[in-house]
Amino acid sequence: MELNQWIETIGDAEPPGRVSLARLRLVASLLGENPRTVAAWYRKERMPRLTSCMNIILLSEGAVDWNGIFAPFARKLLKAGG
C-alpha cells in the first residue's frame, strides 16, 4: 500500500484523493509529527525522514513498506524530468 492510501484509511471516510485537516492531525499525532509535515508528504513536496519511515511501517503493521513510501516520490521525479 502507498503512503497516501494509508493516510486516507485513518479516521473517518472521505473521498479518495482528498484528506481533511482532521485526518492529517490524527496521522501526525499517531506518528509524533507536525500536521504540516504529513501534509507535505501527502502532496509529495517532502519525503519522510528515515525514522519517520520506520514509524510509518511499524504503525501500519507493514501495510506500507519502503516501496509504498518512496515509489510515489520516484514517479513524481521521473514525471517531472521526462
Protein backbone atom coordinates (compact mmCIF):
# COMPACT_ATOMS: atom_id res chain seq x y z
CA MET A 1 0.00 0.00 0.00
CA GLU A 2 1.23 3.50 -0.74
CA LEU A 3 1.62 6.12 1.98
CA ASN A 4 -1.21 8.33 0.71
CA GLN A 5 -3.59 5.38 0.56
CA TRP A 6 -2.73 4.51 4.15
CA ILE A 7 -3.22 8.10 5.29
CA GLU A 8 -6.63 8.06 3.61
CA THR A 9 -7.63 4.95 5.63
CA ILE A 10 -7.01 6.57 9.02
CA GLY A 11 -10.07 8.09 10.70
CA ASP A 12 -13.40 8.93 9.09
CA ALA A 13 -14.25 8.11 5.48
CA GLU A 14 -13.53 10.80 2.91
CA PRO A 15 -13.42 10.73 -0.89
CA PRO A 16 -10.26 9.12 -2.31
CA GLY A 17 -7.58 11.63 -3.19
CA ARG A 18 -8.73 14.09 -0.55
CA VAL A 19 -7.68 14.37 3.03
CA SER A 20 -9.05 16.65 5.74
CA LEU A 21 -7.07 18.65 8.25
CA ALA A 22 -8.59 16.48 10.98
CA ARG A 23 -7.17 13.36 9.32
CA LEU A 24 -3.76 14.98 8.86
CA ARG A 25 -3.77 15.91 12.54
CA LEU A 26 -4.72 12.37 13.54
CA VAL A 27 -1.98 10.77 11.42
CA ALA A 28 0.53 13.35 12.66
CA SER A 29 -0.43 12.62 16.24
CA LEU A 30 -0.04 8.87 15.75
CA LEU A 31 3.40 9.36 14.19
CA GLY A 32 4.60 12.14 16.50
CA GLU A 33 4.87 14.55 13.58
CA ASN A 34 3.57 18.00 12.72
CA PRO A 35 0.36 18.03 10.62
CA ARG A 36 2.10 20.31 8.12
CA THR A 37 4.81 17.69 7.71
CA VAL A 38 2.27 14.96 6.98
CA ALA A 39 0.50 17.29 4.53
CA ALA A 40 3.82 17.87 2.73
CA TRP A 41 4.30 14.10 2.44
CA TYR A 42 0.75 13.72 1.13
CA ARG A 43 1.34 16.38 -1.53
CA LYS A 44 4.75 14.79 -2.29
CA GLU A 45 6.55 18.03 -1.50
CA ARG A 46 8.86 16.34 1.04
CA MET A 47 9.92 12.76 1.66
CA PRO A 48 9.70 11.38 5.18
CA ARG A 49 12.94 11.05 7.14
CA LEU A 50 14.29 7.58 7.81
CA THR A 51 12.94 7.50 11.38
CA SER A 52 9.54 8.67 10.15
CA CYS A 53 9.54 5.92 7.52
CA MET A 54 10.26 3.33 10.16
CA ASN A 55 7.40 4.67 12.30
CA ILE A 56 5.03 4.55 9.31
CA ILE A 57 5.96 0.95 8.56
CA LEU A 58 5.59 -0.08 12.20
CA LEU A 59 2.33 1.80 12.79
CA SER A 60 0.81 0.46 9.56
CA GLU A 61 1.88 -3.05 10.64
CA GLY A 62 3.72 -3.47 7.36
CA ALA A 63 0.80 -2.43 5.15
CA VAL A 64 3.05 0.41 3.99
CA ASP A 65 6.58 -0.66 3.12
CA TRP A 66 9.64 1.17 1.77
CA ASN A 67 8.30 0.98 -1.79
CA GLY A 68 4.95 2.33 -0.64
CA ILE A 69 6.72 5.35 0.78
CA PHE A 70 9.37 6.08 -1.86
CA ALA A 71 7.87 4.81 -5.16
CA PRO A 72 5.33 7.69 -5.39
CA PHE A 73 8.14 10.22 -4.94
CA ALA A 74 10.24 8.45 -7.59
CA ARG A 75 7.33 8.51 -10.04
CA LYS A 76 6.88 12.23 -9.42
CA LEU A 77 10.58 12.89 -10.03
CA LEU A 78 10.61 10.80 -13.22
CA LYS A 79 7.47 12.53 -14.49
CA ALA A 80 8.96 15.97 -13.81
CA GLY A 81 12.20 15.07 -15.58
CA GLY A 82 10.63 13.39 -18.59
